[in-house]
Protein backbone atom coordinates (compact mmCIF):
# COMPACT_ATOMS: atom_id res chain seq x y z
CA MET A 1 18.34 14.48 8.70
CA GLN A 2 21.44 13.68 7.12
CA ILE A 3 24.41 13.59 9.69
CA GLU A 4 26.22 16.06 7.84
CA GLN A 5 23.61 18.39 8.18
CA ALA A 6 23.12 18.17 11.93
CA ARG A 7 26.53 18.38 11.96
CA GLY A 8 26.52 21.53 10.41
CA GLU A 9 23.70 22.79 12.11
CA LEU A 10 25.26 21.92 15.56
CA CYS A 11 28.30 24.26 14.70
CA GLU A 12 26.44 26.86 13.72
CA ARG A 13 25.16 26.80 17.03
CA LEU A 14 28.13 26.82 18.87
CA ARG A 15 29.64 29.16 16.24
CA SER A 16 26.52 31.69 17.77
CA ARG A 17 27.61 31.57 21.18
CA ARG A 18 31.13 31.42 20.62
CA SER A 19 31.88 35.06 22.92
CA GLU A 20 30.01 32.81 25.86
CA ILE A 21 31.90 29.89 25.46
CA GLU A 22 35.35 31.63 24.87
CA GLN A 23 34.78 33.80 28.45
CA THR A 24 33.62 30.73 30.22
CA ALA A 25 36.91 28.56 28.74
CA LEU A 26 38.77 31.52 29.95
CA ALA A 27 37.61 30.53 33.55
CA ARG A 28 38.39 27.12 33.53
CA VAL A 29 41.59 27.91 32.38
CA ARG A 30 42.49 30.32 34.98
CA SER A 31 41.08 28.25 37.61
CA VAL A 32 43.21 25.16 36.59
CA SER A 33 46.37 27.65 37.58
CA ASP A 34 46.62 30.87 37.79
CA PRO A 35 48.41 32.74 34.93
CA SER A 36 48.62 35.91 36.50
CA GLU A 37 51.68 34.13 38.59
CA ILE A 38 53.62 33.74 35.39
CA ALA A 39 55.38 36.90 34.98
CA SER A 40 55.81 37.34 31.03
CA PRO A 41 53.59 39.56 29.47
CA GLU A 42 53.71 37.32 26.35
CA TYR A 43 52.76 34.08 28.09
CA ARG A 44 49.69 35.69 29.26
CA ASP A 45 48.80 37.47 26.18
CA GLY A 46 49.25 33.96 24.55
CA LEU A 47 46.92 32.01 26.61
CA ARG A 48 44.31 34.21 25.68
CA VAL A 49 44.80 33.45 22.26
CA ALA A 50 45.36 29.92 22.96
CA VAL A 51 42.09 30.06 24.22
CA SER A 52 40.39 31.27 20.90
CA ALA A 53 42.54 29.24 19.03
CA ALA A 54 41.52 25.99 20.62
CA LEU A 55 37.91 26.96 20.39
CA ASP A 56 37.91 27.19 16.68
CA TYR A 57 39.87 23.83 16.25
CA GLY A 58 37.77 22.08 18.38
CA ILE A 59 34.22 23.53 16.24
CA GLU A 60 36.00 22.88 13.12
CA ALA A 61 36.65 19.37 14.21
CA LEU A 62 33.38 18.94 14.78
CA GLU A 63 32.42 19.64 11.37
CA ARG A 64 35.29 17.47 9.42
CA SER A 65 34.84 13.51 8.83
CA GLU A 66 37.51 11.62 10.95
CA ASP A 67 39.50 11.01 7.69
CA ARG A 68 39.60 14.74 7.29
CA PRO A 69 41.35 15.60 10.69
CA ALA A 70 41.61 19.53 11.28
CA PRO A 71 45.10 20.88 11.42
CA ILE A 72 46.53 21.95 14.78
CA PRO A 73 46.51 25.36 15.16
CA THR A 74 50.26 27.01 15.48
CA ALA A 75 49.08 29.36 17.93
CA LEU A 76 48.67 26.28 20.26
CA LEU A 77 52.06 25.39 19.43
CA SER A 78 53.47 27.95 19.91
CA GLN A 79 52.00 28.83 23.40
CA ALA A 80 53.61 25.24 24.13
CA ARG A 81 56.77 26.49 23.91
CA LEU A 82 56.08 29.60 25.60
CA ALA A 83 54.81 27.47 28.45
CA ALA A 84 57.95 25.75 28.28
CA ARG A 85 60.23 28.62 28.46
CA ASN A 86 58.42 30.07 31.36
CA GLY A 87 58.36 27.01 33.88
CA VAL A 88 54.97 26.13 33.43
CA GLU A 89 54.77 22.28 33.85
CA LEU A 90 53.30 20.25 31.15
CA ASP A 91 50.59 18.72 33.40
CA THR A 92 48.89 22.00 33.45
CA VAL A 93 48.85 22.78 30.14
CA LEU A 94 47.48 19.28 29.17
CA ARG A 95 44.60 19.89 32.31
CA ARG A 96 43.86 23.03 30.74
CA TYR A 97 43.03 21.55 27.40
CA LEU A 98 40.84 19.10 29.04
CA ALA A 99 38.91 21.11 30.75
CA GLY A 100 38.31 23.11 27.60
CA HIS A 101 37.95 20.06 26.14
CA THR A 102 35.15 19.22 28.41
CA LEU A 103 33.47 22.47 28.45
CA LEU A 104 32.93 22.19 24.98
CA ASP A 105 31.32 19.17 24.85
CA ASP A 106 28.84 20.19 27.70
CA PHE A 107 27.90 23.02 25.06
CA LEU A 108 27.40 20.65 22.27
CA VAL A 109 25.37 18.24 24.16
CA GLU A 110 23.13 20.99 25.79
CA GLU A 111 22.46 22.15 21.64
CA ALA A 112 21.86 18.67 20.72
CA GLU A 113 19.21 18.23 23.74
CA ARG A 114 17.22 21.85 22.29
CA GLY A 115 16.29 20.31 19.28
CA GLU A 116 15.63 17.27 17.19
CA ALA A 117 18.28 18.02 14.83
CA ILE A 118 20.50 14.91 15.40
CA GLY A 119 19.77 11.51 17.82
CA PRO A 120 21.39 9.99 20.56
CA ALA A 121 24.16 7.61 18.46
CA ALA A 122 24.46 10.50 15.93
CA LEU A 123 25.70 12.67 19.09
CA LYS A 124 27.76 9.55 20.07
CA ARG A 125 29.55 9.57 17.00
CA LEU A 126 30.14 13.33 17.25
CA LEU A 127 32.03 13.57 20.61
CA ARG A 128 34.00 10.33 19.77
CA ALA A 129 35.00 12.69 17.10
CA GLU A 130 35.75 15.32 19.10
CA GLY A 131 37.89 13.14 21.54
CA ALA A 132 40.01 11.68 18.93
CA ALA A 133 40.84 15.35 17.89
CA VAL A 134 41.66 16.55 21.38
CA ASP A 135 44.07 13.52 21.59
CA ARG A 136 45.59 14.73 18.68
CA LEU A 137 45.96 18.14 19.86
CA LEU A 138 47.40 16.85 23.21
CA ALA A 139 49.73 14.62 21.64
CA ALA A 140 51.04 17.59 19.30
CA VAL A 141 51.16 19.69 22.26
CA SER A 142 53.15 17.59 24.55
CA GLU A 143 55.81 16.70 21.86
CA GLU A 144 55.99 20.87 20.85
CA TYR A 145 56.87 21.55 25.13
CA MET A 146 59.27 18.57 25.43
CA ARG A 147 60.88 19.74 22.20
CA GLU A 148 61.32 23.11 23.68
CA SER A 149 61.79 21.99 27.16
CA ARG A 150 64.70 19.88 25.85
CA ALA A 151 66.24 23.11 24.07
CA SER A 152 66.01 25.42 26.54
CA HIS A 153 68.50 23.88 28.70
CA THR A 154 71.20 23.87 26.39
CA SER A 155 73.38 26.75 27.25
CA PRO A 156 74.87 28.61 30.74
CA GLU A 157 72.89 31.24 30.09
CA GLN A 158 69.56 29.30 29.48
CA ARG A 159 69.92 27.18 32.64
CA ARG A 160 70.54 30.78 34.63
CA THR A 161 67.12 31.67 33.14
CA ARG A 162 65.47 28.39 34.08
CA GLN A 163 66.64 29.01 37.30
CA VAL A 164 65.33 32.43 37.85
CA GLU A 165 62.07 31.14 36.32
CA ARG A 166 61.91 28.43 39.38
CA LEU A 167 62.94 30.67 41.78
CA LEU A 168 60.36 33.04 40.72
CA THR A 169 57.49 30.16 41.44
CA GLY A 170 58.62 29.49 44.32
CA GLU A 171 60.77 26.39 44.08
CA PRO A 172 63.31 26.08 46.87
CA LEU A 173 66.72 26.30 44.95
CA ASP A 174 70.38 26.34 45.73
CA ALA A 175 70.87 29.61 44.35
CA THR A 176 74.56 30.37 45.05
CA GLU A 177 75.51 29.80 41.27
CA LEU A 178 73.83 33.14 40.39
CA ALA A 179 75.77 35.15 42.54
CA TYR A 180 72.91 37.31 43.81
CA PRO A 181 72.00 38.71 47.41
CA PHE A 182 68.66 37.51 47.30
CA GLU A 183 68.37 38.34 51.45
CA GLY A 184 68.75 41.96 50.98
CA HIS A 185 67.17 44.94 48.99
CA HIS A 186 65.94 44.34 45.38
CA LEU A 187 64.11 46.52 42.86
CA GLY A 188 63.11 44.61 39.89
CA LEU A 189 63.25 46.00 35.95
CA LEU A 190 62.23 45.08 32.49
CA THR A 191 63.66 46.65 29.73
CA SER A 192 63.14 46.05 26.31
CA GLY A 193 65.42 47.24 22.86
CA GLN A 194 68.64 47.01 21.81
CA GLY A 195 71.19 47.67 23.70
CA ASN A 196 69.10 47.05 27.41
CA ARG A 197 71.65 44.64 29.01
CA GLU A 198 74.48 47.43 28.40
CA ALA A 199 72.38 50.32 29.70
CA ILE A 200 70.98 48.51 32.96
CA LYS A 201 74.53 47.29 33.77
CA SER A 202 75.75 50.44 33.64
CA LEU A 203 73.15 51.93 35.75
CA ALA A 204 73.58 49.00 38.70
CA GLN A 205 77.27 50.61 38.36
CA SER A 206 76.55 54.05 39.06
CA LEU A 207 74.06 52.76 42.05
CA ASP A 208 76.93 50.33 43.18
CA ALA A 209 74.10 47.41 43.22
CA ARG A 210 74.50 43.65 42.34
CA LEU A 211 72.71 42.70 38.81
CA LEU A 212 71.39 39.97 38.19
CA ALA A 213 69.68 39.75 34.83
CA VAL A 214 68.80 37.16 32.25
CA SER A 215 67.58 37.52 28.62
CA ARG A 216 63.86 36.21 26.99
CA GLU A 217 64.86 33.53 24.73
CA LYS A 218 64.55 35.23 21.18
CA SER A 219 63.17 38.50 22.29
CA GLN A 220 65.14 41.71 23.04
CA LEU A 221 63.33 41.65 26.50
CA LEU A 222 65.37 41.45 29.57
CA TRP A 223 64.35 40.45 33.64
CA ALA A 224 66.73 42.58 35.88
CA TRP A 225 67.16 43.06 39.12
CA LEU A 226 69.29 45.38 41.17
CA GLY A 227 70.37 44.39 44.71
CA SER A 228 71.67 46.37 47.55
CA ARG A 229 72.31 46.06 51.50
CA ARG A 230 70.47 49.16 51.36
CA ALA A 231 67.14 50.13 50.58
CA LEU A 232 66.97 51.67 46.79
CA GLU A 233 65.29 54.67 45.68
CA PRO A 234 63.07 54.52 42.80
CA ASP A 235 62.98 58.32 42.02
CA GLU A 236 66.33 58.22 41.90
CA ILE A 237 66.66 55.46 39.53
CA LEU A 238 63.97 57.08 37.33
CA ALA A 239 65.98 60.55 37.62
CA LYS A 240 69.28 58.28 36.37
CA LEU A 241 67.36 56.43 33.29
CA ARG A 242 65.47 59.42 32.36
CA THR A 243 68.79 61.18 31.98
CA ASP A 244 70.75 58.31 30.52
CA LEU A 245 68.96 56.24 28.76
CA THR A 246 69.23 55.63 25.05
CA SER A 247 66.78 56.24 22.60
CA GLY A 248 64.47 53.45 21.51
CA LEU A 249 64.68 51.41 25.03
CA SER A 250 61.47 50.72 26.97
CA VAL A 251 61.88 50.51 31.02
CA ALA A 252 59.68 49.51 33.67
CA ILE A 253 60.56 49.35 37.22
CA GLY A 254 59.16 47.86 40.47
CA GLU A 255 58.49 49.17 43.83
CA PRO A 256 61.64 48.03 46.48
CA GLY A 257 61.48 44.98 48.07
CA GLU A 258 63.72 43.07 50.51
CA GLY A 259 64.69 39.49 50.91
CA ILE A 260 63.43 36.48 48.38
CA ALA A 261 59.57 37.30 48.44
CA GLY A 262 60.40 41.06 47.92
CA TRP A 263 62.69 39.63 44.70
CA ARG A 264 59.23 38.04 43.22
CA LEU A 265 57.12 40.77 44.35
CA THR A 266 59.26 43.66 42.46
CA HIS A 267 59.43 41.79 39.28
CA ARG A 268 55.93 41.21 38.94
CA GLN A 269 55.25 44.79 39.67
CA ALA A 270 57.96 45.36 37.02
CA ALA A 271 56.21 43.02 34.46
CA ALA A 272 53.12 44.79 35.21
CA ALA A 273 54.15 48.41 34.49
CA HIS A 274 56.33 46.98 31.52
CA ALA A 275 52.73 46.00 29.77
CA VAL A 276 51.77 49.72 30.15
CA ALA A 277 55.38 51.20 29.02
CA LEU A 278 55.03 49.18 25.68
CA ARG A 279 51.63 51.05 24.79
CA SER A 280 52.64 54.48 25.97
CA LYS A 281 54.92 57.32 25.17
CA GLU A 282 56.80 56.89 28.24
CA PRO A 283 60.40 55.36 28.01
CA VAL A 284 60.43 54.57 32.00
CA VAL A 285 57.60 53.51 33.81
CA ARG A 286 57.22 52.70 37.74
CA TYR A 287 54.92 50.41 39.10
CA ALA A 288 53.62 52.91 41.62
CA ASP A 289 53.03 55.58 38.84
CA VAL A 290 50.22 52.99 36.61
CA ALA A 291 49.32 50.08 39.59
CA LEU A 292 45.64 50.48 38.74
CA LEU A 293 46.09 51.03 35.13
CA ALA A 294 48.30 47.62 34.82
CA SER A 295 46.17 45.71 36.94
CA ALA A 296 43.29 46.86 34.89
CA MET A 297 44.60 45.90 31.84
CA GLN A 298 44.87 42.26 33.11
CA ASP A 299 41.35 42.14 33.81
CA GLU A 300 39.28 41.98 30.78
CA LEU A 301 35.79 42.11 32.47
CA LEU A 302 37.07 45.52 33.99
CA VAL A 303 38.64 46.81 30.77
CA THR A 304 35.53 46.05 28.50
CA SER A 305 33.03 47.51 31.21
CA LEU A 306 35.07 50.69 31.70
CA LYS A 307 35.28 51.52 27.87
CA ARG A 308 31.45 50.77 27.88
CA LEU A 309 30.57 52.95 30.97
CA TYR A 310 33.16 55.71 30.43
CA LEU A 311 34.30 56.10 26.76
CA GLU A 312 31.58 54.78 24.80
CA PRO A 313 29.05 57.01 25.87
CA LEU A 314 31.22 59.81 25.03
CA GLU A 315 32.12 58.95 21.67
CA ALA A 316 28.21 59.70 20.43
CA GLU A 317 29.17 63.40 20.06
CA ARG A 318 29.93 65.21 17.60
CA ASP A 319 33.37 65.10 17.90
CA GLY A 320 33.54 61.57 18.71
CA GLY A 321 33.88 63.14 22.36
CA GLU A 322 37.30 64.54 22.13
CA GLY A 323 36.47 67.65 23.91
CA LEU A 324 35.03 66.26 26.25
CA ARG A 325 38.17 63.35 27.07
CA GLU A 326 40.24 66.34 27.11
CA THR A 327 38.59 68.46 29.50
CA LEU A 328 37.99 65.52 32.13
CA ARG A 329 41.39 64.54 31.90
CA ALA A 330 42.70 68.20 32.53
CA TYR A 331 40.00 68.17 35.66
CA ILE A 332 41.06 65.22 37.00
CA ALA A 333 44.55 65.93 36.93
CA THR A 334 43.73 69.02 38.76
CA ASP A 335 41.47 67.41 41.46
CA GLY A 336 38.19 69.16 40.58
CA ASN A 337 39.32 72.59 40.49
CA THR A 338 37.75 74.51 37.50
CA SER A 339 39.84 77.48 37.45
CA SER A 340 43.48 75.17 37.24
CA THR A 341 41.28 73.22 34.15
CA ALA A 342 40.78 76.12 32.50
CA ALA A 343 44.01 77.91 33.02
CA ALA A 344 45.45 74.30 31.84
CA LEU A 345 43.34 73.77 28.72
CA GLY A 346 43.11 77.72 27.79
CA ILE A 347 39.55 78.24 27.77
CA ASP A 348 37.41 79.98 30.52
CA ARG A 349 35.77 78.78 33.61
CA ARG A 350 32.27 78.86 32.17
CA THR A 351 33.19 76.40 29.35
CA VAL A 352 34.91 74.24 31.78
CA THR A 353 31.78 73.97 34.00
CA ARG A 354 29.52 73.35 31.21
CA ARG A 355 31.73 70.47 29.54
CA ILE A 356 32.27 68.45 33.18
CA ARG A 357 28.13 69.07 33.08
CA MET A 358 27.53 67.51 30.01
CA ALA A 359 29.92 64.80 30.73
CA GLU A 360 28.08 64.02 33.87
CA GLU A 361 24.91 63.86 31.75
CA VAL A 362 26.20 61.80 29.35
CA LEU A 363 27.77 58.99 31.53
CA GLY A 364 24.88 59.14 34.05
CA HIS A 365 27.33 59.86 37.17
CA SER A 366 28.73 62.75 39.28
CA LEU A 367 32.69 62.77 38.70
CA THR A 368 32.91 63.50 42.62
CA THR A 369 31.62 59.26 42.66
CA ARG A 370 33.57 58.26 39.77
CA ALA A 371 36.63 59.96 39.50
CA ALA A 372 39.16 57.05 39.79
CA ASP A 373 37.19 54.56 37.43
CA VAL A 374 36.59 57.82 34.67
CA GLU A 375 40.52 58.36 34.89
CA VAL A 376 41.11 54.38 34.41
CA ALA A 377 39.10 54.67 31.38
CA LEU A 378 40.88 57.34 30.08
CA ARG A 379 44.01 56.15 30.57
CA LEU A 380 43.08 52.92 28.78
CA TRP A 381 41.90 55.27 25.70
CA ASP A 382 45.02 57.05 25.63
CA LEU A 383 47.30 53.32 25.32
CA GLU A 384 44.88 51.74 22.42
CA ALA A 385 44.91 55.31 20.35
CA PRO A 386 47.37 54.86 17.07
CA SER A 387 50.18 56.85 16.90
CA PRO A 388 50.55 59.71 15.02
CA ASP A 389 52.05 59.58 11.37
CA PRO A 390 55.35 61.46 10.61
CA ASP A 391 52.99 63.95 8.88
CA GLY A 392 50.53 64.65 11.98
CA THR A 393 47.80 62.15 10.71
CA LYS A 394 46.78 59.54 12.57
C-alpha cells in the first residue's frame, strides 16, 4: 500500500476516535498541573480549546508531507499569551504539549498495529514527521509566551497585576507595595462591564474598606478585594450592589475570608461565581448561592452526565419538556410541597402530582433521592437557554 494512502487511513482512524483521544488528553493535561488553581475563567476555557486545536494540528501534521508543514493554530498562540498573563510557567505549558504529543503517538501506534496498512519503517517515518511538527509547535508557543511575558511587565499597573497573580499562586512575596491589609478580613469580587472600577471603588468607600483591584489586560474584567479589620457581611454588600449597581455591570462575590489563605480562597470563589454571573440574568451573584452550580460547570463529565440523566429524557415530551421542567423547578423550590407548587404555577394540586409522577417515570428516579441533581441540571439548562429577542422570540 502506498505511504500516502496508508497515512490517510491512519488519520481517518484517529479522527474516528477523536472524542476519546481529546478526553484522555484533557486528563493528561490536568495531571501535569491542575488548571483549576488558575482563577481566570478565560484561561481555563481556553485550555480546553487549545487541547482540541492541538489534536487537530497533530493529525493534520501526519497527513502532510514534510515539505508542507501544518500551520500553527492561532488558538494555541492565544493560549500561550493567556498562560504568560496568568503566571503559568513556560515549563508547565511545554510539558502539557509533550504529554499530548506522547498520547497521540500512543494512539497512532495502536491503530497501526491493528491492521496491515503500514509497515514499521513507514510508521517510524510518520512518528518522525509528527515529532518535527511538535518541535515547530513548541518553538512557536515558547516565542509567543516570552513575547507576552516581556510585554506584560512594561507598566506599573502590569507589574502590580503580576505581583497579585504570583501571590495567588502561593509565592512568598513582599506585598508592601500593594498597600493592602492581607492579615485582615477579605471579600473577593470579580466584576465586568464598563465603569466597574468606579463602581467597586464607591462600594469600598461606603464600607470604609481598603480596596485592592487589578484589571485583566485587554478585557473589562476586574479582580478586586475589600479588606477590613472586621468581618465583612456579604448580605450587606449584596444589598448595596443591587441598589447602586449601574446597568450593564456584572459582579460576583466570594465568601468572607481571613488572612492570606482567606484572601486567595475568596478570590477563587468569586471567580467561580463569575462564570455563573456571565451566563445568568442576575447582575450580582454570590458564591454561596451558586456553589454547586459553579463547581458543576467546571466539571465536563458532570455537566454531560447531568444533561443525559435529567434533561434529555424530558425533551422527548411533546412540548420539549418545558411543562415538566417548569413544574420540577417550582416543586424543588418549595421543598416538595405540592400545594405551594400549585399556587406558584397557578394550577391545581392534582395536575402537579400528575406531572411529578410523570417526571419520575421519565427520569427513572424518585425526586426524593435525586432532587439536588435535578436542580443543578435545571439550572444548567436555564444558563444555556438562549435569551429572548426584543420581540419575545428565541
